Amino acid sequence: MKYYLQATSEEALMQALEAANLYKKVYSEWDEEGNPIGDFEWQREGQYDLDIIGTIYAPTGTMLTGEDGDYPEMAALAGYHANIRGITAEQAAMLPTIDAPTTPYRKWAGE
């Protein structure tokens, strides 16, 4: 089953993926007591398909004029978006899922 995700930010999405055991933070440095310090990278855990879309932009209805002619003004929609499939229902319950959009911004190949 596929799920559509919408978090408030990229960090919020990654934290939700971490809570669902789909990503984890990998630190490059540790202090003497074994606590992580410094920078980290996100590392994927498990087998599933994840399409991180990010911010979605939509036309505002206003046309602008530039050097190459007229073009629509775009505005960011609320949220940080991703699509995911191949996860368990328990993992999905921990993610910021939304109802399937009537016109998805992106689809998986073959849909």
C-alpha atoms as a PDB file:
ATOM      1  CA  MET A   1       0.000   0.000   0.000  1.00  0.00           C
ATOM      2  CA  LYS A   2       1.193   3.524  -0.680  1.00  0.00           C
ATOM      3  CA  TYR A   3       0.906   6.461   1.661  1.00  0.00           C
ATOM      4  CA  TYR A   4       1.061  10.198   1.104  1.00  0.00           C
ATOM      5  CA  LEU A   5       2.961  12.106   3.774  1.00  0.00           C
ATOM      6  CA  GLN A   6       2.805  15.747   4.804  1.00  0.00           C
ATOM      7  CA  ALA A   7       4.933  17.057   7.662  1.00  0.00           C
ATOM      8  CA  THR A   8       5.499  20.631   8.776  1.00  0.00           C
ATOM      9  CA  SER A   9       9.160  20.555   7.708  1.00  0.00           C
ATOM     10  CA  GLU A  10      11.916  18.298   6.404  1.00  0.00           C
ATOM     11  CA  GLU A  11      13.170  17.781   9.959  1.00  0.00           C
ATOM     12  CA  ALA A  12       9.669  16.808  11.157  1.00  0.00           C
ATOM     13  CA  LEU A  13       9.393  14.268   8.316  1.00  0.00           C
ATOM     14  CA  MET A  14      12.776  12.760   9.124  1.00  0.00           C
ATOM     15  CA  GLN A  15      11.918  12.537  12.830  1.00  0.00           C
ATOM     16  CA  ALA A  16       8.688  10.697  11.970  1.00  0.00           C
ATOM     17  CA  LEU A  17      10.596   8.306   9.689  1.00  0.00           C
ATOM     18  CA  GLU A  18      13.046   7.720  12.536  1.00  0.00           C
ATOM     19  CA  ALA A  19      10.203   7.035  15.011  1.00  0.00           C
ATOM     20  CA  ALA A  20       8.817   4.456  12.560  1.00  0.00           C
ATOM     21  CA  ASN A  21      12.272   2.785  12.371  1.00  0.00           C
ATOM     22  CA  LEU A  22      12.638   3.670   8.686  1.00  0.00           C
ATOM     23  CA  TYR A  23      15.648   5.996   9.133  1.00  0.00           C
ATOM     24  CA  LYS A  24      18.220   6.488  11.843  1.00  0.00           C
ATOM     25  CA  LYS A  25      20.794   9.128  12.703  1.00  0.00           C
ATOM     26  CA  VAL A  26      24.401   8.048  12.264  1.00  0.00           C
ATOM     27  CA  TYR A  27      26.862  10.225  14.164  1.00  0.00           C
ATOM     28  CA  SER A  28      30.498  10.614  13.191  1.00  0.00           C
ATOM     29  CA  GLU A  29      31.734  11.608  16.660  1.00  0.00           C
ATOM     30  CA  TRP A  30      31.166  10.427  20.232  1.00  0.00           C
ATOM     31  CA  ASP A  31      32.285  11.865  23.564  1.00  0.00           C
ATOM     32  CA  GLU A  32      34.173   9.946  26.279  1.00  0.00           C
ATOM     33  CA  GLU A  33      30.889   8.765  27.811  1.00  0.00           C
ATOM     34  CA  GLY A  34      29.604   7.332  24.536  1.00  0.00           C
ATOM     35  CA  ASN A  35      27.137  10.121  23.762  1.00  0.00           C
ATOM     36  CA  PRO A  36      26.826  11.273  20.156  1.00  0.00           C
ATOM     37  CA  ILE A  37      28.174  14.729  19.358  1.00  0.00           C
ATOM     38  CA  GLY A  38      28.642  16.795  16.235  1.00  0.00           C
ATOM     39  CA  ASP A  39      27.120  16.240  12.846  1.00  0.00           C
ATOM     40  CA  PHE A  40      25.093  13.239  11.764  1.00  0.00           C
ATOM     41  CA  GLU A  41      23.749  11.727   8.553  1.00  0.00           C
ATOM     42  CA  TRP A  42      20.383  10.072   8.026  1.00  0.00           C
ATOM     43  CA  GLN A  43      20.700   6.383   7.136  1.00  0.00           C
ATOM     44  CA  ARG A  44      17.875   4.416   5.586  1.00  0.00           C
ATOM     45  CA  GLU A  45      16.685   1.278   7.411  1.00  0.00           C
ATOM     46  CA  GLY A  46      14.898  -1.547   5.584  1.00  0.00           C
ATOM     47  CA  GLN A  47      13.485  -2.097   2.121  1.00  0.00           C
ATOM     48  CA  TYR A  48      10.733   0.248   0.919  1.00  0.00           C
ATOM     49  CA  ASP A  49      10.168   2.962  -1.672  1.00  0.00           C
ATOM     50  CA  LEU A  50      10.372   6.583  -0.530  1.00  0.00           C
ATOM     51  CA  ASP A  51       9.922   9.576  -2.820  1.00  0.00           C
ATOM     52  CA  ILE A  52      10.711  12.802  -0.976  1.00  0.00           C
ATOM     53  CA  ILE A  53       9.009  15.608  -2.866  1.00  0.00           C
ATOM     54  CA  GLY A  54       9.646  18.474  -0.452  1.00  0.00           C
ATOM     55  CA  THR A  55       7.798  21.741  -0.891  1.00  0.00           C
ATOM     56  CA  ILE A  56       5.051  21.795  -3.509  1.00  0.00           C
ATOM     57  CA  TYR A  57       4.300  24.985  -5.418  1.00  0.00           C
ATOM     58  CA  ALA A  58       1.006  25.911  -7.052  1.00  0.00           C
ATOM     59  CA  PRO A  59      -0.093  28.822  -9.250  1.00  0.00           C
ATOM     60  CA  THR A  60      -1.678  31.740  -7.386  1.00  0.00           C
ATOM     61  CA  GLY A  61      -3.809  32.832 -10.337  1.00  0.00           C
ATOM     62  CA  THR A  62      -1.669  35.894 -10.985  1.00  0.00           C
ATOM     63  CA  MET A  63       0.358  36.181 -14.185  1.00  0.00           C
ATOM     64  CA  LEU A  64       3.756  37.851 -14.115  1.00  0.00           C
ATOM     65  CA  THR A  65       5.806  39.216 -16.993  1.00  0.00           C
ATOM     66  CA  GLY A  66       9.514  38.591 -17.388  1.00  0.00           C
ATOM     67  CA  GLU A  67      12.199  38.701 -20.067  1.00  0.00           C
ATOM     68  CA  ASP A  68      10.834  35.505 -21.651  1.00  0.00           C
ATOM     69  CA  GLY A  69       7.182  36.581 -21.549  1.00  0.00           C
ATOM     70  CA  ASP A  70       4.290  35.855 -19.220  1.00  0.00           C
ATOM     71  CA  TYR A  71       4.405  33.130 -16.574  1.00  0.00           C
ATOM     72  CA  PRO A  72       2.239  32.171 -13.584  1.00  0.00           C
ATOM     73  CA  GLU A  73       3.166  33.328 -10.110  1.00  0.00           C
ATOM     74  CA  MET A  74       3.752  30.327  -7.830  1.00  0.00           C
ATOM     75  CA  ALA A  75       3.328  30.026  -4.065  1.00  0.00           C
ATOM     76  CA  ALA A  76       4.453  27.307  -1.675  1.00  0.00           C
ATOM     77  CA  LEU A  77       1.734  25.058  -0.281  1.00  0.00           C
ATOM     78  CA  ALA A  78       1.825  24.239   3.413  1.00  0.00           C
ATOM     79  CA  GLY A  79       3.968  21.304   4.455  1.00  0.00           C
ATOM     80  CA  TYR A  80       6.854  19.120   3.364  1.00  0.00           C
ATOM     81  CA  HIS A  81       5.699  16.179   1.222  1.00  0.00           C
ATOM     82  CA  ALA A  82       6.733  12.606   0.438  1.00  0.00           C
ATOM     83  CA  ASN A  83       5.237   9.369  -0.872  1.00  0.00           C
ATOM     84  CA  ILE A  84       6.077   5.967   0.593  1.00  0.00           C
ATOM     85  CA  ARG A  85       5.148   2.352  -0.100  1.00  0.00           C
ATOM     86  CA  GLY A  86       6.256  -1.071   1.047  1.00  0.00           C
ATOM     87  CA  ILE A  87       5.927  -0.413   4.785  1.00  0.00           C
ATOM     88  CA  THR A  88       3.777  -2.047   7.457  1.00  0.00           C
ATOM     89  CA  ALA A  89       0.529  -0.612   8.775  1.00  0.00           C
ATOM     90  CA  GLU A  90       2.254  -0.150  12.149  1.00  0.00           C
ATOM     91  CA  GLN A  91       4.969   1.968  10.556  1.00  0.00           C
ATOM     92  CA  ALA A  92       2.397   3.981   8.598  1.00  0.00           C
ATOM     93  CA  ALA A  93       0.507   4.713  11.828  1.00  0.00           C
ATOM     94  CA  MET A  94       3.599   6.559  13.092  1.00  0.00           C
ATOM     95  CA  LEU A  95       3.878   8.773  10.011  1.00  0.00           C
ATOM     96  CA  PRO A  96       2.109  12.054   9.147  1.00  0.00           C
ATOM     97  CA  THR A  97      -0.116  10.519   6.466  1.00  0.00           C
ATOM     98  CA  ILE A  98      -2.770  12.438   4.579  1.00  0.00           C
ATOM     99  CA  ASP A  99      -5.622  11.334   2.339  1.00  0.00           C
ATOM    100  CA  ALA A 100      -4.662  10.568  -1.231  1.00  0.00           C
ATOM    101  CA  PRO A 101      -4.772  13.770  -3.276  1.00  0.00           C
ATOM    102  CA  THR A 102      -7.176  13.858  -6.212  1.00  0.00           C
ATOM    103  CA  THR A 103      -4.320  14.997  -8.449  1.00  0.00           C
ATOM    104  CA  PRO A 104      -1.026  13.716  -7.005  1.00  0.00           C
ATOM    105  CA  TYR A 105       2.014  15.894  -7.612  1.00  0.00           C
ATOM    106  CA  ARG A 106       4.069  12.791  -8.445  1.00  0.00           C
ATOM    107  CA  LYS A 107       3.213   9.127  -9.000  1.00  0.00           C
ATOM    108  CA  TRP A 108       5.189   5.897  -8.936  1.00  0.00           C
ATOM    109  CA  ALA A 109       6.246   4.549 -12.338  1.00  0.00           C
ATOM    110  CA  GLY A 110       3.514   2.413 -13.864  1.00  0.00           C
ATOM    111  CA  GLU A 111       0.590   4.127 -12.101  1.00  0.00           C
END
